[in-house]
Amino acid sequence: MKHNLQDIDELRPEYQRSDFGEMVRGKYAGTLSEQTNVVILEPDVAQVFPNDKAVNDALRALLRMQQNRPWSRKPLASMKFEK
């Protein structure tokens, strides 16, 4: 049996707010912000790293280097790097 397009179309010509249940604005915004960590790279740094994997690999290598330096008392995060 063939269905006519009018039979399949379930959209109404107009909807009322009461047609929907209770809505909460920004319901998932908190969860999303907890699950993401966006860092904006400066242009000169972004030119060196083509994608997120390259950035993560470089940061992991830097962390391994710090772990292998028992003589260093300063945490790597406190060091100042020139631009």
PDB file of N, CA and C in Angstrom:
ATOM      1  N   MET A   1       0.835  -1.169   0.000  1.00  0.00           N
ATOM      2  CA  MET A   1       0.000   0.000   0.000  1.00  0.00           C
ATOM      3  C   MET A   1       0.883   1.236   0.000  1.00  0.00           C
ATOM      4  N   LYS A   2       0.665   2.116  -0.949  1.00  0.00           N
ATOM      5  CA  LYS A   2       1.436   3.349  -1.026  1.00  0.00           C
ATOM      6  C   LYS A   2       0.830   4.390  -0.105  1.00  0.00           C
ATOM      7  N   HIS A   3       1.731   5.106   0.579  1.00  0.00           N
ATOM      8  CA  HIS A   3       1.279   6.188   1.440  1.00  0.00           C
ATOM      9  C   HIS A   3       1.363   7.499   0.686  1.00  0.00           C
ATOM     10  N   ASN A   4       0.382   8.281   0.862  1.00  0.00           N
ATOM     11  CA  ASN A   4       0.374   9.614   0.291  1.00  0.00           C
ATOM     12  C   ASN A   4       1.276  10.500   1.157  1.00  0.00           C
ATOM     13  N   LEU A   5       1.942  11.488   0.569  1.00  0.00           N
ATOM     14  CA  LEU A   5       2.815  12.379   1.333  1.00  0.00           C
ATOM     15  C   LEU A   5       2.057  13.090   2.448  1.00  0.00           C
ATOM     16  N   GLN A   6       0.803  13.379   2.237  1.00  0.00           N
ATOM     17  CA  GLN A   6       0.017  14.045   3.268  1.00  0.00           C
ATOM     18  C   GLN A   6      -0.203  13.125   4.468  1.00  0.00           C
ATOM     19  N   ASP A   7      -0.243  11.827   4.237  1.00  0.00           N
ATOM     20  CA  ASP A   7      -0.403  10.878   5.330  1.00  0.00           C
ATOM     21  C   ASP A   7       0.866  10.796   6.186  1.00  0.00           C
ATOM     22  N   ILE A   8       2.026  10.953   5.577  1.00  0.00           N
ATOM     23  CA  ILE A   8       3.301  10.817   6.269  1.00  0.00           C
ATOM     24  C   ILE A   8       3.658  12.094   7.033  1.00  0.00           C
ATOM     25  N   ASP A   9       3.286  13.237   6.525  1.00  0.00           N
ATOM     26  CA  ASP A   9       3.647  14.515   7.135  1.00  0.00           C
ATOM     27  C   ASP A   9       2.941  14.679   8.476  1.00  0.00           C
ATOM     28  N   GLU A  10       3.738  14.653   9.566  1.00  0.00           N
ATOM     29  CA  GLU A  10       3.167  14.777  10.902  1.00  0.00           C
ATOM     30  C   GLU A  10       3.332  16.175  11.477  1.00  0.00           C
ATOM     31  N   LEU A  11       3.953  17.061  10.747  1.00  0.00           N
ATOM     32  CA  LEU A  11       4.151  18.418  11.252  1.00  0.00           C
ATOM     33  C   LEU A  11       2.857  19.208  11.184  1.00  0.00           C
ATOM     34  N   ARG A  12       2.624  19.964  12.213  1.00  0.00           N
ATOM     35  CA  ARG A  12       1.449  20.827  12.226  1.00  0.00           C
ATOM     36  C   ARG A  12       1.801  22.156  11.569  1.00  0.00           C
ATOM     37  N   PRO A  13       0.816  22.846  11.073  1.00  0.00           N
ATOM     38  CA  PRO A  13       1.105  24.159  10.485  1.00  0.00           C
ATOM     39  C   PRO A  13       1.530  25.178  11.542  1.00  0.00           C
ATOM     40  N   GLU A  14       1.127  24.967  12.791  1.00  0.00           N
ATOM     41  CA  GLU A  14       1.482  25.908  13.850  1.00  0.00           C
ATOM     42  C   GLU A  14       1.547  25.161  15.178  1.00  0.00           C
ATOM     43  N   TYR A  15       2.491  25.557  16.025  1.00  0.00           N
ATOM     44  CA  TYR A  15       2.646  24.940  17.339  1.00  0.00           C
ATOM     45  C   TYR A  15       2.426  25.974  18.429  1.00  0.00           C
ATOM     46  N   GLN A  16       1.931  25.515  19.554  1.00  0.00           N
ATOM     47  CA  GLN A  16       1.753  26.355  20.729  1.00  0.00           C
ATOM     48  C   GLN A  16       2.795  25.942  21.771  1.00  0.00           C
ATOM     49  N   ARG A  17       3.141  26.853  22.642  1.00  0.00           N
ATOM     50  CA  ARG A  17       4.101  26.549  23.706  1.00  0.00           C
ATOM     51  C   ARG A  17       3.576  25.416  24.587  1.00  0.00           C
ATOM     52  N   SER A  18       2.293  25.353  24.763  1.00  0.00           N
ATOM     53  CA  SER A  18       1.691  24.317  25.606  1.00  0.00           C
ATOM     54  C   SER A  18       1.784  22.919  24.984  1.00  0.00           C
ATOM     55  N   ASP A  19       2.155  22.832  23.706  1.00  0.00           N
ATOM     56  CA  ASP A  19       2.308  21.532  23.059  1.00  0.00           C
ATOM     57  C   ASP A  19       3.534  20.776  23.575  1.00  0.00           C
ATOM     58  N   PHE A  20       4.441  21.494  24.220  1.00  0.00           N
ATOM     59  CA  PHE A  20       5.687  20.902  24.690  1.00  0.00           C
ATOM     60  C   PHE A  20       5.676  20.824  26.209  1.00  0.00           C
ATOM     61  N   GLY A  21       6.467  19.921  26.737  1.00  0.00           N
ATOM     62  CA  GLY A  21       6.587  19.808  28.189  1.00  0.00           C
ATOM     63  C   GLY A  21       7.416  20.952  28.755  1.00  0.00           C
ATOM     64  N   GLU A  22       7.738  20.832  30.030  1.00  0.00           N
ATOM     65  CA  GLU A  22       8.530  21.873  30.686  1.00  0.00           C
ATOM     66  C   GLU A  22       9.934  21.901  30.091  1.00  0.00           C
ATOM     67  N   MET A  23      10.377  23.077  29.721  1.00  0.00           N
ATOM     68  CA  MET A  23      11.711  23.232  29.148  1.00  0.00           C
ATOM     69  C   MET A  23      12.595  24.001  30.119  1.00  0.00           C
ATOM     70  N   VAL A  24      13.860  23.648  30.116  1.00  0.00           N
ATOM     71  CA  VAL A  24      14.827  24.320  30.973  1.00  0.00           C
ATOM     72  C   VAL A  24      15.908  24.897  30.082  1.00  0.00           C
ATOM     73  N   ARG A  25      16.126  26.196  30.199  1.00  0.00           N
ATOM     74  CA  ARG A  25      17.139  26.852  29.378  1.00  0.00           C
ATOM     75  C   ARG A  25      18.529  26.468  29.884  1.00  0.00           C
ATOM     76  N   GLY A  26      19.387  26.052  28.968  1.00  0.00           N
ATOM     77  CA  GLY A  26      20.760  25.711  29.324  1.00  0.00           C
ATOM     78  C   GLY A  26      20.883  24.462  30.174  1.00  0.00           C
ATOM     79  N   LYS A  27      20.010  23.519  29.970  1.00  0.00           N
ATOM     80  CA  LYS A  27      19.956  22.310  30.796  1.00  0.00           C
ATOM     81  C   LYS A  27      21.286  21.551  30.793  1.00  0.00           C
ATOM     82  N   TYR A  28      21.949  21.494  29.655  1.00  0.00           N
ATOM     83  CA  TYR A  28      23.184  20.722  29.534  1.00  0.00           C
ATOM     84  C   TYR A  28      24.425  21.606  29.476  1.00  0.00           C
ATOM     85  N   ALA A  29      24.290  22.898  29.650  1.00  0.00           N
ATOM     86  CA  ALA A  29      25.426  23.819  29.545  1.00  0.00           C
ATOM     87  C   ALA A  29      26.480  23.532  30.607  1.00  0.00           C
ATOM     88  N   GLY A  30      26.067  23.256  31.825  1.00  0.00           N
ATOM     89  CA  GLY A  30      27.018  22.970  32.897  1.00  0.00           C
ATOM     90  C   GLY A  30      27.809  21.709  32.641  1.00  0.00           C
ATOM     91  N   THR A  31      27.137  20.673  32.187  1.00  0.00           N
ATOM     92  CA  THR A  31      27.800  19.412  31.882  1.00  0.00           C
ATOM     93  C   THR A  31      28.796  19.591  30.754  1.00  0.00           C
ATOM     94  N   LEU A  32      28.417  20.332  29.747  1.00  0.00           N
ATOM     95  CA  LEU A  32      29.299  20.552  28.610  1.00  0.00           C
ATOM     96  C   LEU A  32      30.544  21.308  29.031  1.00  0.00           C
ATOM     97  N   SER A  33      30.389  22.332  29.858  1.00  0.00           N
ATOM     98  CA  SER A  33      31.550  23.110  30.273  1.00  0.00           C
ATOM     99  C   SER A  33      32.470  22.300  31.182  1.00  0.00           C
ATOM    100  N   GLU A  34      31.936  21.348  31.926  1.00  0.00           N
ATOM    101  CA  GLU A  34      32.765  20.484  32.763  1.00  0.00           C
ATOM    102  C   GLU A  34      33.544  19.477  31.928  1.00  0.00           C
ATOM    103  N   GLN A  35      33.015  19.084  30.792  1.00  0.00           N
ATOM    104  CA  GLN A  35      33.631  18.046  29.982  1.00  0.00           C
ATOM    105  C   GLN A  35      34.583  18.587  28.934  1.00  0.00           C
ATOM    106  N   THR A  36      34.682  19.887  28.783  1.00  0.00           N
ATOM    107  CA  THR A  36      35.554  20.448  27.763  1.00  0.00           C
ATOM    108  C   THR A  36      36.565  21.382  28.393  1.00  0.00           C
ATOM    109  N   ASN A  37      37.703  21.488  27.750  1.00  0.00           N
ATOM    110  CA  ASN A  37      38.744  22.391  28.198  1.00  0.00           C
ATOM    111  C   ASN A  37      39.336  23.024  26.944  1.00  0.00           C
ATOM    112  N   VAL A  38      38.886  24.194  26.622  1.00  0.00           N
ATOM    113  CA  VAL A  38      39.326  24.866  25.409  1.00  0.00           C
ATOM    114  C   VAL A  38      40.453  25.827  25.756  1.00  0.00           C
ATOM    115  N   VAL A  39      41.528  25.731  25.010  1.00  0.00           N
ATOM    116  CA  VAL A  39      42.665  26.621  25.187  1.00  0.00           C
ATOM    117  C   VAL A  39      42.909  27.313  23.856  1.00  0.00           C
ATOM    118  N   ILE A  40      43.022  28.627  23.886  1.00  0.00           N
ATOM    119  CA  ILE A  40      43.271  29.392  22.666  1.00  0.00           C
ATOM    120  C   ILE A  40      44.773  29.592  22.523  1.00  0.00           C
ATOM    121  N   LEU A  41      45.322  29.098  21.430  1.00  0.00           N
ATOM    122  CA  LEU A  41      46.749  29.258  21.171  1.00  0.00           C
ATOM    123  C   LEU A  41      47.004  30.585  20.476  1.00  0.00           C
ATOM    124  N   GLU A  42      48.107  31.205  20.813  1.00  0.00           N
ATOM    125  CA  GLU A  42      48.489  32.422  20.112  1.00  0.00           C
ATOM    126  C   GLU A  42      48.918  32.037  18.702  1.00  0.00           C
ATOM    127  N   PRO A  43      48.796  32.951  17.744  1.00  0.00           N
ATOM    128  CA  PRO A  43      49.041  32.616  16.335  1.00  0.00           C
ATOM    129  C   PRO A  43      50.407  31.994  16.062  1.00  0.00           C
ATOM    130  N   ASP A  44      51.469  32.492  16.703  1.00  0.00           N
ATOM    131  CA  ASP A  44      52.798  31.935  16.437  1.00  0.00           C
ATOM    132  C   ASP A  44      52.913  30.490  16.920  1.00  0.00           C
ATOM    133  N   VAL A  45      52.230  30.158  17.994  1.00  0.00           N
ATOM    134  CA  VAL A  45      52.243  28.785  18.506  1.00  0.00           C
ATOM    135  C   VAL A  45      51.355  27.902  17.637  1.00  0.00           C
ATOM    136  N   ALA A  46      50.222  28.409  17.222  1.00  0.00           N
ATOM    137  CA  ALA A  46      49.279  27.630  16.408  1.00  0.00           C
ATOM    138  C   ALA A  46      49.879  27.234  15.061  1.00  0.00           C
ATOM    139  N   GLN A  47      50.806  28.021  14.553  1.00  0.00           N
ATOM    140  CA  GLN A  47      51.439  27.684  13.269  1.00  0.00           C
ATOM    141  C   GLN A  47      52.285  26.422  13.380  1.00  0.00           C
ATOM    142  N   VAL A  48      52.796  26.143  14.566  1.00  0.00           N
ATOM    143  CA  VAL A  48      53.675  24.994  14.768  1.00  0.00           C
ATOM    144  C   VAL A  48      52.884  23.698  14.914  1.00  0.00           C
ATOM    145  N   PHE A  49      51.673  23.788  15.460  1.00  0.00           N
ATOM    146  CA  PHE A  49      50.874  22.600  15.741  1.00  0.00           C
ATOM    147  C   PHE A  49      49.680  22.522  14.793  1.00  0.00           C
ATOM    148  N   PRO A  50      49.657  21.525  13.909  1.00  0.00           N
ATOM    149  CA  PRO A  50      48.576  21.431  12.929  1.00  0.00           C
ATOM    150  C   PRO A  50      47.241  20.955  13.505  1.00  0.00           C
ATOM    151  N   ASN A  51      47.285  20.241  14.647  1.00  0.00           N
ATOM    152  CA  ASN A  51      46.040  19.702  15.210  1.00  0.00           C
ATOM    153  C   ASN A  51      46.192  19.445  16.707  1.00  0.00           C
ATOM    154  N   ASP A  52      45.124  18.988  17.336  1.00  0.00           N
ATOM    155  CA  ASP A  52      45.142  18.761  18.781  1.00  0.00           C
ATOM    156  C   ASP A  52      46.071  17.626  19.187  1.00  0.00           C
ATOM    157  N   LYS A  53      46.226  16.625  18.337  1.00  0.00           N
ATOM    158  CA  LYS A  53      47.126  15.514  18.655  1.00  0.00           C
ATOM    159  C   LYS A  53      48.560  16.004  18.766  1.00  0.00           C
ATOM    160  N   ALA A  54      48.971  16.890  17.889  1.00  0.00           N
ATOM    161  CA  ALA A  54      50.330  17.426  17.935  1.00  0.00           C
ATOM    162  C   ALA A  54      50.566  18.214  19.221  1.00  0.00           C
ATOM    163  N   VAL A  55      49.583  18.983  19.639  1.00  0.00           N
ATOM    164  CA  VAL A  55      49.699  19.748  20.886  1.00  0.00           C
ATOM    165  C   VAL A  55      49.803  18.793  22.070  1.00  0.00           C
ATOM    166  N   ASN A  56      48.936  17.801  22.123  1.00  0.00           N
ATOM    167  CA  ASN A  56      48.955  16.843  23.233  1.00  0.00           C
ATOM    168  C   ASN A  56      50.263  16.059  23.281  1.00  0.00           C
ATOM    169  N   ASP A  57      50.773  15.633  22.123  1.00  0.00           N
ATOM    170  CA  ASP A  57      52.044  14.907  22.084  1.00  0.00           C
ATOM    171  C   ASP A  57      53.181  15.771  22.612  1.00  0.00           C
ATOM    172  N   ALA A  58      53.218  17.039  22.212  1.00  0.00           N
ATOM    173  CA  ALA A  58      54.275  17.946  22.673  1.00  0.00           C
ATOM    174  C   ALA A  58      54.179  18.180  24.178  1.00  0.00           C
ATOM    175  N   LEU A  59      52.978  18.354  24.683  1.00  0.00           N
ATOM    176  CA  LEU A  59      52.814  18.573  26.119  1.00  0.00           C
ATOM    177  C   LEU A  59      53.192  17.331  26.924  1.00  0.00           C
ATOM    178  N   ARG A  60      52.848  16.161  26.416  1.00  0.00           N
ATOM    179  CA  ARG A  60      53.229  14.927  27.115  1.00  0.00           C
ATOM    180  C   ARG A  60      54.746  14.753  27.132  1.00  0.00           C
ATOM    181  N   ALA A  61      55.401  15.082  26.024  1.00  0.00           N
ATOM    182  CA  ALA A  61      56.866  15.011  25.972  1.00  0.00           C
ATOM    183  C   ALA A  61      57.477  15.979  26.979  1.00  0.00           C
ATOM    184  N   LEU A  62      56.917  17.158  27.087  1.00  0.00           N
ATOM    185  CA  LEU A  62      57.399  18.146  28.049  1.00  0.00           C
ATOM    186  C   LEU A  62      57.222  17.645  29.483  1.00  0.00           C
ATOM    187  N   LEU A  63      56.102  17.018  29.759  1.00  0.00           N
ATOM    188  CA  LEU A  63      55.873  16.452  31.092  1.00  0.00           C
ATOM    189  C   LEU A  63      56.855  15.328  31.399  1.00  0.00           C
ATOM    190  N   ARG A  64      57.145  14.483  30.405  1.00  0.00           N
ATOM    191  CA  ARG A  64      58.126  13.407  30.612  1.00  0.00           C
ATOM    192  C   ARG A  64      59.505  13.992  30.891  1.00  0.00           C
ATOM    193  N   MET A  65      59.857  15.065  30.187  1.00  0.00           N
ATOM    194  CA  MET A  65      61.151  15.712  30.411  1.00  0.00           C
ATOM    195  C   MET A  65      61.242  16.240  31.837  1.00  0.00           C
ATOM    196  N   GLN A  66      60.182  16.819  32.338  1.00  0.00           N
ATOM    197  CA  GLN A  66      60.192  17.361  33.692  1.00  0.00           C
ATOM    198  C   GLN A  66      60.318  16.238  34.721  1.00  0.00           C
ATOM    199  N   GLN A  67      59.661  15.126  34.477  1.00  0.00           N
ATOM    200  CA  GLN A  67      59.724  14.003  35.414  1.00  0.00           C
ATOM    201  C   GLN A  67      61.123  13.406  35.471  1.00  0.00           C
ATOM    202  N   ASN A  68      61.864  13.510  34.379  1.00  0.00           N
ATOM    203  CA  ASN A  68      63.211  12.947  34.316  1.00  0.00           C
ATOM    204  C   ASN A  68      64.272  13.909  34.831  1.00  0.00           C
ATOM    205  N   ARG A  69      63.885  15.053  35.391  1.00  0.00           N
ATOM    206  CA  ARG A  69      64.840  16.047  35.883  1.00  0.00           C
ATOM    207  C   ARG A  69      64.730  16.146  37.400  1.00  0.00           C
ATOM    208  N   PRO A  70      65.394  15.262  38.137  1.00  0.00           N
ATOM    209  CA  PRO A  70      65.273  15.302  39.597  1.00  0.00           C
ATOM    210  C   PRO A  70      65.938  16.530  40.211  1.00  0.00           C
ATOM    211  N   TRP A  71      66.872  17.143  39.510  1.00  0.00           N
ATOM    212  CA  TRP A  71      67.596  18.297  40.043  1.00  0.00           C
ATOM    213  C   TRP A  71      66.800  19.582  39.963  1.00  0.00           C
ATOM    214  N   SER A  72      65.725  19.587  39.228  1.00  0.00           N
ATOM    215  CA  SER A  72      64.932  20.804  39.080  1.00  0.00           C
ATOM    216  C   SER A  72      63.956  20.928  40.243  1.00  0.00           C
ATOM    217  N   ARG A  73      64.007  22.041  40.941  1.00  0.00           N
ATOM    218  CA  ARG A  73      63.092  22.257  42.058  1.00  0.00           C
ATOM    219  C   ARG A  73      61.862  23.047  41.634  1.00  0.00           C
ATOM    220  N   LYS A  74      61.975  23.799  40.551  1.00  0.00           N
ATOM    221  CA  LYS A  74      60.851  24.615  40.097  1.00  0.00           C
ATOM    222  C   LYS A  74      59.895  23.765  39.266  1.00  0.00           C
ATOM    223  N   PRO A  75      58.619  23.874  39.513  1.00  0.00           N
ATOM    224  CA  PRO A  75      57.672  23.217  38.606  1.00  0.00           C
ATOM    225  C   PRO A  75      57.735  23.880  37.232  1.00  0.00           C
ATOM    226  N   LEU A  76      57.561  23.107  36.216  1.00  0.00           N
ATOM    227  CA  LEU A  76      57.655  23.615  34.853  1.00  0.00           C
ATOM    228  C   LEU A  76      56.650  24.729  34.596  1.00  0.00           C
ATOM    229  N   ALA A  77      55.500  24.665  35.235  1.00  0.00           N
ATOM    230  CA  ALA A  77      54.464  25.678  35.013  1.00  0.00           C
ATOM    231  C   ALA A  77      54.895  27.050  35.505  1.00  0.00           C
ATOM    232  N   SER A  78      55.829  27.112  36.450  1.00  0.00           N
ATOM    233  CA  SER A  78      56.248  28.408  36.980  1.00  0.00           C
ATOM    234  C   SER A  78      57.334  29.061  36.130  1.00  0.00           C
ATOM    235  N   MET A  79      57.895  28.331  35.173  1.00  0.00           N
ATOM    236  CA  MET A  79      58.939  28.893  34.321  1.00  0.00           C
ATOM    237  C   MET A  79      58.334  29.873  33.328  1.00  0.00           C
ATOM    238  N   LYS A  80      59.084  30.899  33.004  1.00  0.00           N
ATOM    239  CA  LYS A  80      58.644  31.894  32.028  1.00  0.00           C
ATOM    240  C   LYS A  80      59.326  31.613  30.696  1.00  0.00           C
ATOM    241  N   PHE A  81      58.554  31.568  29.638  1.00  0.00           N
ATOM    242  CA  PHE A  81      59.082  31.336  28.309  1.00  0.00           C
ATOM    243  C   PHE A  81      58.922  32.595  27.483  1.00  0.00           C
ATOM    244  N   GLU A  82      59.916  32.866  26.649  1.00  0.00           N
ATOM    245  CA  GLU A  82      59.848  34.038  25.778  1.00  0.00           C
ATOM    246  C   GLU A  82      58.937  33.740  24.603  1.00  0.00           C
ATOM    247  N   LYS A  83      58.298  34.796  24.115  1.00  0.00           N
ATOM    248  CA  LYS A  83      57.441  34.644  22.935  1.00  0.00           C
ATOM    249  C   LYS A  83      58.270  34.712  21.687  1.00  0.00           C
TER     250      LYS A  83
END
